[in-house]
Amino acid sequence: MELSEHFTALYAAYEELLTPRQFKVLWLHDIEGLSGKEIAYKLGISQLAASRHLNKAKQKLKSLHEEMIAQSHLPEET
């Protein structure tokens, strides 16, 4: 699998986990490289709202990542 396919699969999973607005803000920030101010302008929201959406998205993804790590260290049930 090529790197671009990995990113496509990863962001498809993110889209399932996040709200549509959180996903859009994350995409604009991480993939398109827009600043919070640029995201706010593009979406017609305040810069504070854009920042909140981005922070909530990153918190959800961090929690998921931590949960996956914790589960990978659990002994298998027999």
C-alpha atoms as a PDB file:
ATOM      1  CA  MET A   1       0.000   0.000   0.000  1.00  0.00           C
ATOM      2  CA  GLU A   2       1.357   3.414  -0.971  1.00  0.00           C
ATOM      3  CA  LEU A   3       1.682   6.252   1.522  1.00  0.00           C
ATOM      4  CA  SER A   4      -1.155   8.181  -0.126  1.00  0.00           C
ATOM      5  CA  GLU A   5      -3.407   5.144   0.297  1.00  0.00           C
ATOM      6  CA  HIS A   6      -2.504   5.013   3.998  1.00  0.00           C
ATOM      7  CA  PHE A   7      -3.443   8.669   4.445  1.00  0.00           C
ATOM      8  CA  THR A   8      -6.685   8.124   2.551  1.00  0.00           C
ATOM      9  CA  ALA A   9      -7.586   5.192   4.805  1.00  0.00           C
ATOM     10  CA  LEU A  10      -6.541   7.082   7.927  1.00  0.00           C
ATOM     11  CA  TYR A  11      -8.609  10.151   7.110  1.00  0.00           C
ATOM     12  CA  ALA A  12     -11.571   7.969   6.123  1.00  0.00           C
ATOM     13  CA  ALA A  13     -11.423   6.499   9.631  1.00  0.00           C
ATOM     14  CA  TYR A  14     -11.132   9.999  11.104  1.00  0.00           C
ATOM     15  CA  GLU A  15     -14.220  11.049   9.166  1.00  0.00           C
ATOM     16  CA  GLU A  16     -16.184   8.252  10.856  1.00  0.00           C
ATOM     17  CA  LEU A  17     -14.999   9.262  14.338  1.00  0.00           C
ATOM     18  CA  LEU A  18     -15.284  13.056  14.177  1.00  0.00           C
ATOM     19  CA  THR A  19     -18.178  15.405  13.622  1.00  0.00           C
ATOM     20  CA  PRO A  20     -18.338  16.800  10.085  1.00  0.00           C
ATOM     21  CA  ARG A  21     -17.104  20.211  11.293  1.00  0.00           C
ATOM     22  CA  GLN A  22     -14.254  18.726  13.319  1.00  0.00           C
ATOM     23  CA  PHE A  23     -13.190  16.643  10.335  1.00  0.00           C
ATOM     24  CA  LYS A  24     -13.308  19.628   7.964  1.00  0.00           C
ATOM     25  CA  VAL A  25     -11.244  21.800  10.311  1.00  0.00           C
ATOM     26  CA  LEU A  26      -8.716  18.995  10.869  1.00  0.00           C
ATOM     27  CA  TRP A  27      -8.454  18.430   7.099  1.00  0.00           C
ATOM     28  CA  LEU A  28      -7.961  22.105   6.354  1.00  0.00           C
ATOM     29  CA  HIS A  29      -5.294  22.367   9.045  1.00  0.00           C
ATOM     30  CA  ASP A  30      -3.374  19.129   8.549  1.00  0.00           C
ATOM     31  CA  ILE A  31      -3.758  18.467   4.832  1.00  0.00           C
ATOM     32  CA  GLU A  32      -4.247  21.889   3.289  1.00  0.00           C
ATOM     33  CA  GLY A  33      -1.969  23.619   5.797  1.00  0.00           C
ATOM     34  CA  LEU A  34      -4.321  26.479   6.600  1.00  0.00           C
ATOM     35  CA  SER A  35      -3.949  28.558   9.744  1.00  0.00           C
ATOM     36  CA  GLY A  36      -6.744  28.964  12.259  1.00  0.00           C
ATOM     37  CA  LYS A  37      -7.512  32.388  10.837  1.00  0.00           C
ATOM     38  CA  GLU A  38      -7.665  31.032   7.279  1.00  0.00           C
ATOM     39  CA  ILE A  39      -9.890  28.127   8.360  1.00  0.00           C
ATOM     40  CA  ALA A  40     -12.246  30.498  10.157  1.00  0.00           C
ATOM     41  CA  TYR A  41     -12.517  32.721   7.088  1.00  0.00           C
ATOM     42  CA  LYS A  42     -13.039  29.793   4.712  1.00  0.00           C
ATOM     43  CA  LEU A  43     -15.784  28.245   6.872  1.00  0.00           C
ATOM     44  CA  GLY A  44     -17.406  31.508   7.936  1.00  0.00           C
ATOM     45  CA  ILE A  45     -16.846  30.884  11.651  1.00  0.00           C
ATOM     46  CA  SER A  46     -14.854  32.676  14.317  1.00  0.00           C
ATOM     47  CA  GLN A  47     -11.208  31.897  14.839  1.00  0.00           C
ATOM     48  CA  LEU A  48     -12.090  30.728  18.361  1.00  0.00           C
ATOM     49  CA  ALA A  49     -14.661  28.277  16.964  1.00  0.00           C
ATOM     50  CA  ALA A  50     -12.124  26.935  14.468  1.00  0.00           C
ATOM     51  CA  SER A  51      -9.613  26.464  17.284  1.00  0.00           C
ATOM     52  CA  ARG A  52     -12.180  24.667  19.446  1.00  0.00           C
ATOM     53  CA  HIS A  53     -13.146  22.299  16.621  1.00  0.00           C
ATOM     54  CA  LEU A  54      -9.494  21.504  15.950  1.00  0.00           C
ATOM     55  CA  ASN A  55      -8.729  20.938  19.633  1.00  0.00           C
ATOM     56  CA  LYS A  56     -11.745  18.661  20.122  1.00  0.00           C
ATOM     57  CA  ALA A  57     -10.819  16.663  17.029  1.00  0.00           C
ATOM     58  CA  LYS A  58      -7.254  16.215  18.237  1.00  0.00           C
ATOM     59  CA  GLN A  59      -8.473  15.244  21.724  1.00  0.00           C
ATOM     60  CA  LYS A  60     -10.708  12.533  20.248  1.00  0.00           C
ATOM     61  CA  LEU A  61      -7.894  11.183  18.106  1.00  0.00           C
ATOM     62  CA  LYS A  62      -5.445  11.243  21.016  1.00  0.00           C
ATOM     63  CA  SER A  63      -7.921   9.347  23.219  1.00  0.00           C
ATOM     64  CA  LEU A  64      -8.449   6.759  20.496  1.00  0.00           C
ATOM     65  CA  HIS A  65      -4.703   6.351  20.057  1.00  0.00           C
ATOM     66  CA  GLU A  66      -4.164   5.935  23.811  1.00  0.00           C
ATOM     67  CA  GLU A  67      -6.981   3.387  23.980  1.00  0.00           C
ATOM     68  CA  MET A  68      -5.470   1.397  21.128  1.00  0.00           C
ATOM     69  CA  ILE A  69      -2.067   1.375  22.823  1.00  0.00           C
ATOM     70  CA  ALA A  70      -3.591   0.263  26.130  1.00  0.00           C
ATOM     71  CA  GLN A  71      -5.495  -2.553  24.418  1.00  0.00           C
ATOM     72  CA  SER A  72      -2.394  -3.750  22.622  1.00  0.00           C
ATOM     73  CA  HIS A  73      -0.651  -4.301  25.954  1.00  0.00           C
ATOM     74  CA  LEU A  74      -3.434  -6.349  27.531  1.00  0.00           C
ATOM     75  CA  PRO A  75      -2.829 -10.078  27.857  1.00  0.00           C
ATOM     76  CA  GLU A  76      -4.862 -12.159  25.464  1.00  0.00           C
ATOM     77  CA  GLU A  77      -7.873 -13.977  26.903  1.00  0.00           C
ATOM     78  CA  THR A  78      -7.628 -17.759  26.899  1.00  0.00           C
END
